[in-house]
Amino acid sequence: MNGGYESIATIKSVKLEYEKYCETWGNWKPTWDLFLTVTYNNGQTFNPEFEIYGMLNRNFPVTDSKSWGQGFKVKTLFESALGRKNLLLNDDYSIPDSWLDEVVNKEVLICSYPTTRISDKGKNFWNHYQITAPANAKSGVLKQKVINDVNNGYIKDYFDDKTTKPENEISEPKEKDSSDEEFDFEI
């Protein structure tokens, strides 16, 4: 398990939506307090996008870092890009507009990992890991976080070519030989 592929991404634009209802997620239709779409470039000829989203915890005041709740992933992007720590929400649990402008053309470290979903061409789909790191972070830091999240059950669709079969891969039955005999044990 290698944890995926890390790269330095230059943020080209960000779009922040509040109370985003996601109706295209199958039977589960969440409404996210924060939904950030990040357009970036990491040396490709086009600018891909990825999304970071989460729920805030309004049981805590905005002066408490716990108020970010699941939205800590959005906070991590801003901290990584702006080089600041302990960023706080506005009093109304919104993100300061200035941050949206300040992150444009800043660099962050991102990570993508292979999933168990297979395309029509027989290749694995890749997901963007929603946690970012500063561009100058030690190589492998996000890969290790992906592996930890897989091992802790937070990422359930990670494809490890050594241990995982893709969702649509069908195992061929193997031929039996004399070493495949089944035994009944009486206890």
N, C-alpha and C. Protein backbone atom coordinates (compact mmCIF):
# COMPACT_ATOMS: atom_id res chain seq x y z
N MET A 1 0.87 -1.18 0.00
CA MET A 1 0.00 0.00 0.00
C MET A 1 0.91 1.23 0.00
N ASN A 2 0.82 2.04 -1.05
CA ASN A 2 1.72 3.19 -1.13
C ASN A 2 1.05 4.52 -0.78
N GLY A 3 -0.25 4.57 -0.63
CA GLY A 3 -0.92 5.79 -0.21
C GLY A 3 -1.33 6.74 -1.31
N GLY A 4 -0.96 6.47 -2.55
CA GLY A 4 -1.40 7.32 -3.65
C GLY A 4 -0.29 8.13 -4.27
N TYR A 5 -0.68 9.27 -4.85
CA TYR A 5 0.22 10.13 -5.60
C TYR A 5 0.13 11.55 -5.07
N GLU A 6 1.25 12.08 -4.59
CA GLU A 6 1.30 13.46 -4.11
C GLU A 6 1.80 14.39 -5.20
N SER A 7 1.30 15.61 -5.20
CA SER A 7 1.81 16.62 -6.13
C SER A 7 1.59 18.01 -5.54
N ILE A 8 2.37 18.96 -6.04
CA ILE A 8 2.21 20.36 -5.66
C ILE A 8 1.16 20.96 -6.60
N ALA A 9 0.15 21.57 -6.03
CA ALA A 9 -0.93 22.17 -6.82
C ALA A 9 -0.95 23.67 -6.61
N THR A 10 -1.03 24.41 -7.70
CA THR A 10 -1.23 25.85 -7.64
C THR A 10 -2.72 26.12 -7.75
N ILE A 11 -3.27 26.77 -6.74
CA ILE A 11 -4.71 27.04 -6.72
C ILE A 11 -5.03 28.13 -7.74
N LYS A 12 -5.92 27.84 -8.66
CA LYS A 12 -6.33 28.79 -9.69
C LYS A 12 -7.60 29.55 -9.31
N SER A 13 -8.51 28.85 -8.62
CA SER A 13 -9.72 29.51 -8.14
C SER A 13 -10.36 28.65 -7.06
N VAL A 14 -11.20 29.29 -6.26
CA VAL A 14 -11.99 28.56 -5.26
C VAL A 14 -13.41 29.09 -5.30
N LYS A 15 -14.34 28.19 -5.09
CA LYS A 15 -15.76 28.57 -5.03
C LYS A 15 -16.31 27.97 -3.74
N LEU A 16 -16.79 28.83 -2.86
CA LEU A 16 -17.32 28.37 -1.58
C LEU A 16 -18.84 28.47 -1.58
N GLU A 17 -19.49 27.38 -1.20
CA GLU A 17 -20.94 27.36 -1.08
C GLU A 17 -21.30 26.96 0.35
N TYR A 18 -22.31 27.63 0.89
CA TYR A 18 -22.81 27.31 2.22
C TYR A 18 -24.11 26.54 2.08
N GLU A 19 -24.36 25.62 3.01
CA GLU A 19 -25.61 24.83 3.02
C GLU A 19 -25.84 24.18 1.66
N LYS A 20 -24.82 23.53 1.14
CA LYS A 20 -24.88 22.89 -0.18
C LYS A 20 -25.59 21.54 -0.08
N TYR A 21 -26.69 21.42 -0.79
CA TYR A 21 -27.44 20.18 -0.86
C TYR A 21 -26.92 19.37 -2.04
N CYS A 22 -26.54 18.13 -1.80
CA CYS A 22 -25.99 17.28 -2.86
C CYS A 22 -26.99 16.20 -3.24
N GLU A 23 -27.77 16.45 -4.26
CA GLU A 23 -28.81 15.51 -4.67
C GLU A 23 -28.30 14.41 -5.57
N THR A 24 -27.09 14.53 -6.07
CA THR A 24 -26.58 13.54 -7.02
C THR A 24 -25.74 12.46 -6.35
N TRP A 25 -25.85 12.30 -5.06
CA TRP A 25 -25.04 11.32 -4.34
C TRP A 25 -25.81 10.05 -4.04
N GLY A 26 -26.61 9.59 -4.97
CA GLY A 26 -27.36 8.36 -4.78
C GLY A 26 -28.46 8.53 -3.75
N ASN A 27 -28.61 7.54 -2.88
CA ASN A 27 -29.67 7.59 -1.86
C ASN A 27 -29.33 8.55 -0.73
N TRP A 28 -28.07 8.81 -0.53
CA TRP A 28 -27.65 9.71 0.54
C TRP A 28 -27.62 11.12 -0.03
N LYS A 29 -28.36 12.04 0.56
CA LYS A 29 -28.46 13.40 0.06
C LYS A 29 -28.08 14.39 1.17
N PRO A 30 -26.78 14.53 1.41
CA PRO A 30 -26.34 15.40 2.50
C PRO A 30 -26.45 16.88 2.17
N THR A 31 -26.52 17.69 3.19
CA THR A 31 -26.40 19.13 3.05
C THR A 31 -25.15 19.51 3.85
N TRP A 32 -24.16 20.04 3.16
CA TRP A 32 -22.89 20.40 3.79
C TRP A 32 -22.89 21.86 4.19
N ASP A 33 -22.43 22.16 5.40
CA ASP A 33 -22.29 23.56 5.83
C ASP A 33 -21.31 24.31 4.95
N LEU A 34 -20.18 23.65 4.64
CA LEU A 34 -19.15 24.24 3.78
C LEU A 34 -18.88 23.30 2.62
N PHE A 35 -18.89 23.83 1.41
CA PHE A 35 -18.60 23.04 0.22
C PHE A 35 -17.68 23.88 -0.65
N LEU A 36 -16.41 23.51 -0.69
CA LEU A 36 -15.39 24.29 -1.39
C LEU A 36 -14.93 23.54 -2.64
N THR A 37 -15.09 24.16 -3.79
CA THR A 37 -14.59 23.60 -5.05
C THR A 37 -13.29 24.32 -5.38
N VAL A 38 -12.22 23.55 -5.53
CA VAL A 38 -10.89 24.11 -5.78
C VAL A 38 -10.46 23.73 -7.19
N THR A 39 -10.16 24.73 -8.01
CA THR A 39 -9.59 24.51 -9.34
C THR A 39 -8.09 24.74 -9.19
N TYR A 40 -7.30 23.82 -9.70
CA TYR A 40 -5.85 23.90 -9.49
C TYR A 40 -5.11 23.44 -10.74
N ASN A 41 -3.80 23.64 -10.72
CA ASN A 41 -2.95 23.10 -11.76
C ASN A 41 -1.73 22.48 -11.09
N ASN A 42 -1.41 21.27 -11.51
CA ASN A 42 -0.22 20.59 -11.00
C ASN A 42 0.67 20.12 -12.15
N GLY A 43 0.76 20.97 -13.16
CA GLY A 43 1.63 20.69 -14.29
C GLY A 43 0.94 20.07 -15.49
N GLN A 44 -0.35 19.86 -15.41
CA GLN A 44 -1.09 19.28 -16.53
C GLN A 44 -1.47 20.37 -17.52
N THR A 45 -2.01 19.98 -18.66
CA THR A 45 -2.41 20.95 -19.68
C THR A 45 -3.81 21.50 -19.43
N PHE A 46 -4.45 21.05 -18.36
CA PHE A 46 -5.79 21.52 -18.01
C PHE A 46 -5.81 21.76 -16.50
N ASN A 47 -6.86 22.41 -16.02
CA ASN A 47 -6.98 22.70 -14.60
C ASN A 47 -8.07 21.82 -13.98
N PRO A 48 -7.68 20.75 -13.30
CA PRO A 48 -8.67 19.89 -12.66
C PRO A 48 -9.29 20.55 -11.42
N GLU A 49 -10.33 19.93 -10.91
CA GLU A 49 -11.00 20.42 -9.71
C GLU A 49 -11.08 19.30 -8.67
N PHE A 50 -11.15 19.69 -7.42
CA PHE A 50 -11.53 18.76 -6.37
C PHE A 50 -12.36 19.51 -5.35
N GLU A 51 -13.07 18.73 -4.55
CA GLU A 51 -14.01 19.31 -3.59
C GLU A 51 -13.62 18.93 -2.17
N ILE A 52 -13.80 19.90 -1.28
CA ILE A 52 -13.59 19.68 0.15
C ILE A 52 -14.87 20.17 0.83
N TYR A 53 -15.40 19.35 1.72
CA TYR A 53 -16.67 19.72 2.34
C TYR A 53 -16.74 19.20 3.76
N GLY A 54 -17.66 19.74 4.52
CA GLY A 54 -17.83 19.28 5.89
C GLY A 54 -18.91 20.06 6.62
N MET A 55 -19.24 19.54 7.78
CA MET A 55 -20.23 20.16 8.65
C MET A 55 -19.50 20.91 9.77
N LEU A 56 -20.01 22.07 10.13
CA LEU A 56 -19.47 22.83 11.25
C LEU A 56 -20.11 22.34 12.54
N ASN A 57 -19.48 22.65 13.65
CA ASN A 57 -20.04 22.29 14.95
C ASN A 57 -20.43 23.57 15.68
N ARG A 58 -21.67 23.94 15.53
CA ARG A 58 -22.16 25.20 16.12
C ARG A 58 -22.42 25.09 17.63
N ASN A 59 -22.10 23.95 18.22
CA ASN A 59 -22.19 23.81 19.67
C ASN A 59 -21.00 24.47 20.37
N PHE A 60 -20.01 24.89 19.57
CA PHE A 60 -18.83 25.56 20.11
C PHE A 60 -18.76 26.97 19.55
N PRO A 61 -18.24 27.90 20.33
CA PRO A 61 -18.06 29.26 19.81
C PRO A 61 -16.98 29.27 18.73
N VAL A 62 -17.02 30.25 17.84
CA VAL A 62 -16.05 30.31 16.74
C VAL A 62 -14.62 30.50 17.25
N THR A 63 -14.46 30.91 18.49
CA THR A 63 -13.11 31.07 19.07
C THR A 63 -12.50 29.72 19.45
N ASP A 64 -13.31 28.66 19.41
CA ASP A 64 -12.83 27.31 19.73
C ASP A 64 -12.60 26.57 18.41
N SER A 65 -11.44 25.95 18.26
CA SER A 65 -11.13 25.25 17.01
C SER A 65 -12.10 24.09 16.74
N LYS A 66 -12.78 23.59 17.78
CA LYS A 66 -13.75 22.51 17.59
C LYS A 66 -14.97 22.98 16.79
N SER A 67 -15.16 24.29 16.66
CA SER A 67 -16.30 24.80 15.88
C SER A 67 -16.19 24.42 14.40
N TRP A 68 -14.98 24.12 13.93
CA TRP A 68 -14.80 23.70 12.54
C TRP A 68 -15.44 22.34 12.28
N GLY A 69 -15.58 21.49 13.30
CA GLY A 69 -16.17 20.17 13.11
C GLY A 69 -15.52 19.41 11.96
N GLN A 70 -16.34 18.78 11.10
CA GLN A 70 -15.84 18.09 9.91
C GLN A 70 -15.26 19.07 8.89
N GLY A 71 -15.60 20.33 9.03
CA GLY A 71 -15.09 21.36 8.13
C GLY A 71 -13.62 21.65 8.34
N PHE A 72 -12.98 20.93 9.28
CA PHE A 72 -11.54 21.14 9.51
C PHE A 72 -10.74 20.92 8.23
N LYS A 73 -11.30 20.12 7.31
CA LYS A 73 -10.60 19.87 6.04
C LYS A 73 -10.53 21.14 5.21
N VAL A 74 -11.58 21.96 5.26
CA VAL A 74 -11.59 23.25 4.57
C VAL A 74 -10.58 24.17 5.25
N LYS A 75 -10.59 24.17 6.57
CA LYS A 75 -9.64 24.97 7.34
C LYS A 75 -8.20 24.60 6.98
N THR A 76 -7.95 23.29 6.84
CA THR A 76 -6.61 22.81 6.53
C THR A 76 -6.12 23.35 5.19
N LEU A 77 -7.02 23.44 4.20
CA LEU A 77 -6.63 24.00 2.91
C LEU A 77 -6.18 25.45 3.08
N PHE A 78 -6.98 26.25 3.79
CA PHE A 78 -6.62 27.65 3.97
C PHE A 78 -5.33 27.80 4.77
N GLU A 79 -5.16 27.00 5.81
CA GLU A 79 -3.93 27.06 6.59
C GLU A 79 -2.72 26.66 5.75
N SER A 80 -2.88 25.61 4.93
CA SER A 80 -1.79 25.15 4.08
C SER A 80 -1.39 26.19 3.05
N ALA A 81 -2.39 26.81 2.42
CA ALA A 81 -2.13 27.78 1.36
C ALA A 81 -1.62 29.12 1.89
N LEU A 82 -2.18 29.55 3.03
CA LEU A 82 -1.84 30.87 3.54
C LEU A 82 -0.67 30.86 4.52
N GLY A 83 -0.26 29.67 4.95
CA GLY A 83 0.85 29.58 5.87
C GLY A 83 0.52 30.13 7.25
N ARG A 84 -0.74 30.03 7.64
CA ARG A 84 -1.19 30.51 8.96
C ARG A 84 -1.79 29.35 9.72
N LYS A 85 -1.76 29.44 11.03
CA LYS A 85 -2.34 28.40 11.89
C LYS A 85 -3.49 28.97 12.69
N ASN A 86 -4.33 28.07 13.20
CA ASN A 86 -5.43 28.43 14.09
C ASN A 86 -6.37 29.47 13.51
N LEU A 87 -6.73 29.32 12.25
CA LEU A 87 -7.67 30.24 11.61
C LEU A 87 -9.05 30.09 12.23
N LEU A 88 -9.73 31.20 12.41
CA LEU A 88 -11.05 31.21 13.04
C LEU A 88 -12.12 31.62 12.05
N LEU A 89 -13.30 31.07 12.23
CA LEU A 89 -14.47 31.46 11.44
C LEU A 89 -14.94 32.84 11.86
N ASN A 90 -15.73 33.48 10.99
CA ASN A 90 -16.41 34.72 11.37
C ASN A 90 -17.44 34.40 12.46
N ASP A 91 -17.96 35.43 13.11
CA ASP A 91 -18.94 35.24 14.19
C ASP A 91 -20.19 34.51 13.72
N ASP A 92 -20.53 34.61 12.43
CA ASP A 92 -21.71 33.92 11.90
C ASP A 92 -21.37 32.55 11.31
N TYR A 93 -20.20 32.00 11.66
CA TYR A 93 -19.72 30.70 11.19
C TYR A 93 -19.45 30.68 9.69
N SER A 94 -19.13 31.81 9.13
CA SER A 94 -18.75 31.87 7.73
C SER A 94 -17.23 32.03 7.63
N ILE A 95 -16.73 31.90 6.42
CA ILE A 95 -15.30 32.05 6.17
C ILE A 95 -15.05 33.46 5.66
N PRO A 96 -14.02 34.13 6.16
CA PRO A 96 -13.73 35.49 5.67
C PRO A 96 -13.52 35.50 4.16
N ASP A 97 -14.19 36.42 3.47
CA ASP A 97 -14.07 36.54 2.01
C ASP A 97 -12.63 36.75 1.57
N SER A 98 -11.85 37.44 2.38
CA SER A 98 -10.45 37.73 2.01
C SER A 98 -9.65 36.45 1.80
N TRP A 99 -9.97 35.39 2.55
CA TRP A 99 -9.24 34.13 2.37
C TRP A 99 -9.43 33.57 0.97
N LEU A 100 -10.63 33.74 0.41
CA LEU A 100 -10.92 33.20 -0.92
C LEU A 100 -10.04 33.85 -1.98
N ASP A 101 -9.77 35.14 -1.80
CA ASP A 101 -8.90 35.85 -2.74
C ASP A 101 -7.43 35.54 -2.48
N GLU A 102 -7.07 35.43 -1.21
CA GLU A 102 -5.67 35.24 -0.84
C GLU A 102 -5.11 33.89 -1.28
N VAL A 103 -5.93 32.85 -1.37
CA VAL A 103 -5.39 31.53 -1.72
C VAL A 103 -5.11 31.35 -3.21
N VAL A 104 -5.67 32.22 -4.04
CA VAL A 104 -5.45 32.10 -5.49
C VAL A 104 -3.96 32.31 -5.78
N ASN A 105 -3.42 31.41 -6.59
CA ASN A 105 -2.01 31.36 -6.98
C ASN A 105 -1.08 30.91 -5.85
N LYS A 106 -1.63 30.40 -4.76
CA LYS A 106 -0.81 29.80 -3.71
C LYS A 106 -0.68 28.31 -3.99
N GLU A 107 0.38 27.71 -3.47
CA GLU A 107 0.62 26.29 -3.68
C GLU A 107 0.32 25.49 -2.42
N VAL A 108 -0.20 24.28 -2.63
CA VAL A 108 -0.44 23.32 -1.56
C VAL A 108 -0.04 21.93 -2.06
N LEU A 109 0.20 21.05 -1.12
CA LEU A 109 0.46 19.65 -1.44
C LEU A 109 -0.87 18.91 -1.41
N ILE A 110 -1.16 18.17 -2.48
CA ILE A 110 -2.39 17.38 -2.54
C ILE A 110 -2.03 15.92 -2.77
N CYS A 111 -2.99 15.04 -2.55
CA CYS A 111 -2.76 13.62 -2.75
C CYS A 111 -4.00 13.00 -3.39
N SER A 112 -3.79 12.14 -4.35
CA SER A 112 -4.86 11.36 -4.97
C SER A 112 -4.55 9.89 -4.73
N TYR A 113 -5.61 9.09 -4.61
CA TYR A 113 -5.40 7.66 -4.37
C TYR A 113 -6.33 6.85 -5.25
N PRO A 114 -5.91 5.63 -5.62
CA PRO A 114 -6.75 4.78 -6.46
C PRO A 114 -7.91 4.19 -5.66
N THR A 115 -9.06 4.06 -6.32
CA THR A 115 -10.23 3.49 -5.66
C THR A 115 -10.54 2.11 -6.24
N THR A 116 -11.46 1.43 -5.61
CA THR A 116 -11.87 0.11 -6.08
C THR A 116 -12.85 0.20 -7.25
N ARG A 117 -13.31 1.41 -7.58
CA ARG A 117 -14.21 1.59 -8.73
C ARG A 117 -13.39 1.54 -10.02
N ILE A 118 -13.94 0.86 -11.02
CA ILE A 118 -13.24 0.66 -12.28
C ILE A 118 -13.99 1.36 -13.41
N SER A 119 -13.24 2.05 -14.27
CA SER A 119 -13.84 2.73 -15.42
C SER A 119 -14.19 1.72 -16.50
N ASP A 120 -14.90 2.19 -17.52
CA ASP A 120 -15.24 1.32 -18.65
C ASP A 120 -14.00 0.82 -19.37
N LYS A 121 -12.90 1.53 -19.22
CA LYS A 121 -11.64 1.15 -19.88
C LYS A 121 -10.83 0.18 -19.03
N GLY A 122 -11.38 -0.18 -17.86
CA GLY A 122 -10.71 -1.15 -17.01
C GLY A 122 -9.66 -0.58 -16.07
N LYS A 123 -9.64 0.74 -15.92
CA LYS A 123 -8.67 1.37 -15.02
C LYS A 123 -9.37 1.86 -13.76
N ASN A 124 -8.62 1.95 -12.69
CA ASN A 124 -9.17 2.43 -11.43
C ASN A 124 -9.47 3.92 -11.49
N PHE A 125 -10.62 4.32 -10.91
CA PHE A 125 -10.88 5.74 -10.69
C PHE A 125 -9.99 6.19 -9.54
N TRP A 126 -9.68 7.48 -9.50
CA TRP A 126 -8.86 8.04 -8.44
C TRP A 126 -9.68 9.10 -7.70
N ASN A 127 -9.53 9.17 -6.39
CA ASN A 127 -10.16 10.20 -5.56
C ASN A 127 -9.09 11.16 -5.06
N HIS A 128 -9.51 12.40 -4.86
CA HIS A 128 -8.64 13.38 -4.20
C HIS A 128 -8.82 13.24 -2.70
N TYR A 129 -7.74 13.16 -1.99
CA TYR A 129 -7.78 13.16 -0.54
C TYR A 129 -8.14 14.59 -0.13
N GLN A 130 -9.11 14.74 0.78
CA GLN A 130 -9.62 16.07 1.10
C GLN A 130 -8.71 16.87 2.03
N ILE A 131 -7.71 16.25 2.59
CA ILE A 131 -6.79 16.99 3.46
C ILE A 131 -5.58 17.38 2.63
N THR A 132 -5.17 18.64 2.76
CA THR A 132 -4.00 19.15 2.05
C THR A 132 -2.90 19.45 3.07
N ALA A 133 -1.74 19.79 2.56
CA ALA A 133 -0.60 20.16 3.41
C ALA A 133 0.11 21.33 2.76
N PRO A 134 0.95 22.03 3.50
CA PRO A 134 1.74 23.11 2.88
C PRO A 134 2.60 22.54 1.76
N ALA A 135 2.88 23.34 0.76
CA ALA A 135 3.66 22.88 -0.39
C ALA A 135 5.05 22.41 0.03
N ASN A 136 5.59 22.96 1.10
CA ASN A 136 6.94 22.58 1.54
C ASN A 136 6.93 21.45 2.56
N ALA A 137 5.80 20.78 2.73
CA ALA A 137 5.71 19.66 3.67
C ALA A 137 6.61 18.51 3.22
N LYS A 138 7.01 17.71 4.16
CA LYS A 138 7.86 16.56 3.89
C LYS A 138 7.16 15.61 2.91
N SER A 139 7.88 15.14 1.93
CA SER A 139 7.33 14.21 0.95
C SER A 139 6.81 12.96 1.67
N GLY A 140 5.63 12.53 1.29
CA GLY A 140 5.04 11.32 1.85
C GLY A 140 4.08 11.57 3.01
N VAL A 141 4.00 12.82 3.48
CA VAL A 141 3.16 13.11 4.64
C VAL A 141 1.68 12.83 4.36
N LEU A 142 1.19 13.18 3.20
CA LEU A 142 -0.22 12.91 2.88
C LEU A 142 -0.44 11.44 2.53
N LYS A 143 0.52 10.83 1.88
CA LYS A 143 0.40 9.39 1.60
C LYS A 143 0.23 8.62 2.91
N GLN A 144 1.01 8.99 3.91
CA GLN A 144 0.92 8.31 5.20
C GLN A 144 -0.44 8.55 5.85
N LYS A 145 -0.97 9.78 5.71
CA LYS A 145 -2.30 10.08 6.25
C LYS A 145 -3.37 9.25 5.54
N VAL A 146 -3.23 9.06 4.22
CA VAL A 146 -4.17 8.22 3.48
C VAL A 146 -4.12 6.80 4.03
N ILE A 147 -2.92 6.26 4.19
CA ILE A 147 -2.77 4.90 4.71
C ILE A 147 -3.38 4.78 6.10
N ASN A 148 -3.12 5.77 6.95
CA ASN A 148 -3.69 5.75 8.29
C ASN A 148 -5.22 5.78 8.23
N ASP A 149 -5.78 6.62 7.34
CA ASP A 149 -7.24 6.70 7.21
C ASP A 149 -7.83 5.41 6.65
N VAL A 150 -7.10 4.73 5.78
CA VAL A 150 -7.56 3.42 5.28
C VAL A 150 -7.55 2.43 6.44
N ASN A 151 -6.45 2.38 7.18
CA ASN A 151 -6.33 1.43 8.29
C ASN A 151 -7.34 1.70 9.40
N ASN A 152 -7.73 2.96 9.59
CA ASN A 152 -8.70 3.32 10.62
C ASN A 152 -10.15 3.28 10.12
N GLY A 153 -10.35 2.90 8.86
CA GLY A 153 -11.69 2.72 8.33
C GLY A 153 -12.37 3.97 7.81
N TYR A 154 -11.65 5.09 7.72
CA TYR A 154 -12.26 6.32 7.21
C TYR A 154 -12.34 6.32 5.69
N ILE A 155 -11.39 5.69 5.03
CA ILE A 155 -11.42 5.54 3.57
C ILE A 155 -11.73 4.07 3.31
N LYS A 156 -12.86 3.83 2.68
CA LYS A 156 -13.32 2.45 2.48
C LYS A 156 -13.13 1.94 1.05
N ASP A 157 -12.82 2.84 0.12
CA ASP A 157 -12.74 2.43 -1.28
C ASP A 157 -11.31 2.47 -1.83
N TYR A 158 -10.32 2.44 -0.96
CA TYR A 158 -8.92 2.48 -1.40
C TYR A 158 -8.57 1.18 -2.11
N PHE A 159 -7.91 1.28 -3.26
CA PHE A 159 -7.48 0.10 -4.00
C PHE A 159 -6.00 -0.13 -3.77
N ASP A 160 -5.69 -1.26 -3.18
CA ASP A 160 -4.31 -1.68 -2.97
C ASP A 160 -4.12 -2.90 -3.86
N ASP A 161 -3.29 -2.76 -4.89
CA ASP A 161 -3.16 -3.85 -5.86
C ASP A 161 -2.60 -5.13 -5.25
N LYS A 162 -2.06 -5.05 -4.04
CA LYS A 162 -1.53 -6.26 -3.40
C LYS A 162 -2.62 -7.03 -2.64
N THR A 163 -3.65 -6.32 -2.18
CA THR A 163 -4.62 -6.98 -1.32
C THR A 163 -6.07 -6.80 -1.72
N THR A 164 -6.38 -5.88 -2.64
CA THR A 164 -7.77 -5.55 -2.95
C THR A 164 -8.12 -5.94 -4.37
N LYS A 165 -9.32 -6.46 -4.54
CA LYS A 165 -9.83 -6.71 -5.89
C LYS A 165 -10.78 -5.58 -6.23
N PRO A 166 -10.74 -5.07 -7.46
CA PRO A 166 -11.69 -4.03 -7.86
C PRO A 166 -13.13 -4.52 -7.72
N GLU A 167 -14.08 -3.58 -7.57
CA GLU A 167 -15.49 -3.91 -7.35
C GLU A 167 -16.07 -4.79 -8.45
N ASN A 168 -15.66 -4.57 -9.69
CA ASN A 168 -16.29 -5.33 -10.77
C ASN A 168 -15.40 -6.46 -11.30
N GLU A 169 -14.35 -6.79 -10.57
CA GLU A 169 -13.48 -7.89 -11.00
C GLU A 169 -14.09 -9.21 -10.54
N ILE A 170 -14.21 -10.14 -11.44
CA ILE A 170 -14.77 -11.44 -11.12
C ILE A 170 -13.64 -12.45 -11.05
N SER A 171 -13.57 -13.16 -9.97
CA SER A 171 -12.53 -14.17 -9.82
C SER A 171 -12.87 -15.38 -10.68
N GLU A 172 -11.88 -15.86 -11.38
CA GLU A 172 -12.04 -17.07 -12.17
C GLU A 172 -11.91 -18.26 -11.22
N PRO A 173 -12.79 -19.24 -11.34
CA PRO A 173 -12.63 -20.41 -10.47
C PRO A 173 -11.36 -21.15 -10.85
N LYS A 174 -10.62 -21.57 -9.82
CA LYS A 174 -9.40 -22.30 -10.13
C LYS A 174 -9.70 -23.78 -10.19
N GLU A 175 -8.87 -24.49 -10.93
CA GLU A 175 -9.06 -25.93 -11.03
C GLU A 175 -8.57 -26.57 -9.75
N LYS A 176 -9.28 -27.59 -9.33
CA LYS A 176 -8.90 -28.30 -8.11
C LYS A 176 -7.80 -29.29 -8.43
N ASP A 177 -6.91 -29.39 -7.49
CA ASP A 177 -5.94 -30.48 -7.57
C ASP A 177 -6.00 -31.22 -6.23
N SER A 178 -5.17 -32.22 -6.06
CA SER A 178 -5.26 -33.06 -4.87
C SER A 178 -4.96 -32.27 -3.58
N SER A 179 -4.27 -31.17 -3.67
CA SER A 179 -3.95 -30.39 -2.47
C SER A 179 -5.14 -29.54 -2.03
N ASP A 180 -6.20 -29.47 -2.85
CA ASP A 180 -7.37 -28.67 -2.53
C ASP A 180 -8.47 -29.47 -1.84
N GLU A 181 -8.15 -30.68 -1.39
CA GLU A 181 -9.16 -31.52 -0.75
C GLU A 181 -9.72 -30.80 0.47
N GLU A 182 -11.04 -30.94 0.66
CA GLU A 182 -11.67 -30.37 1.84
C GLU A 182 -11.79 -31.48 2.88
N PHE A 183 -11.57 -31.09 4.13
CA PHE A 183 -11.66 -32.03 5.20
C PHE A 183 -12.73 -31.61 6.18
N ASP A 184 -13.45 -32.56 6.72
CA ASP A 184 -14.40 -32.28 7.80
C ASP A 184 -13.68 -32.63 9.09
N PHE A 185 -13.69 -31.70 10.01
CA PHE A 185 -13.08 -31.94 11.30
C PHE A 185 -14.18 -32.16 12.33
N GLU A 186 -14.04 -33.21 13.09
CA GLU A 186 -14.97 -33.45 14.17
C GLU A 186 -14.36 -32.91 15.43
N ILE A 187 -15.15 -32.16 16.14
CA ILE A 187 -14.64 -31.59 17.37
C ILE A 187 -15.37 -32.15 18.55
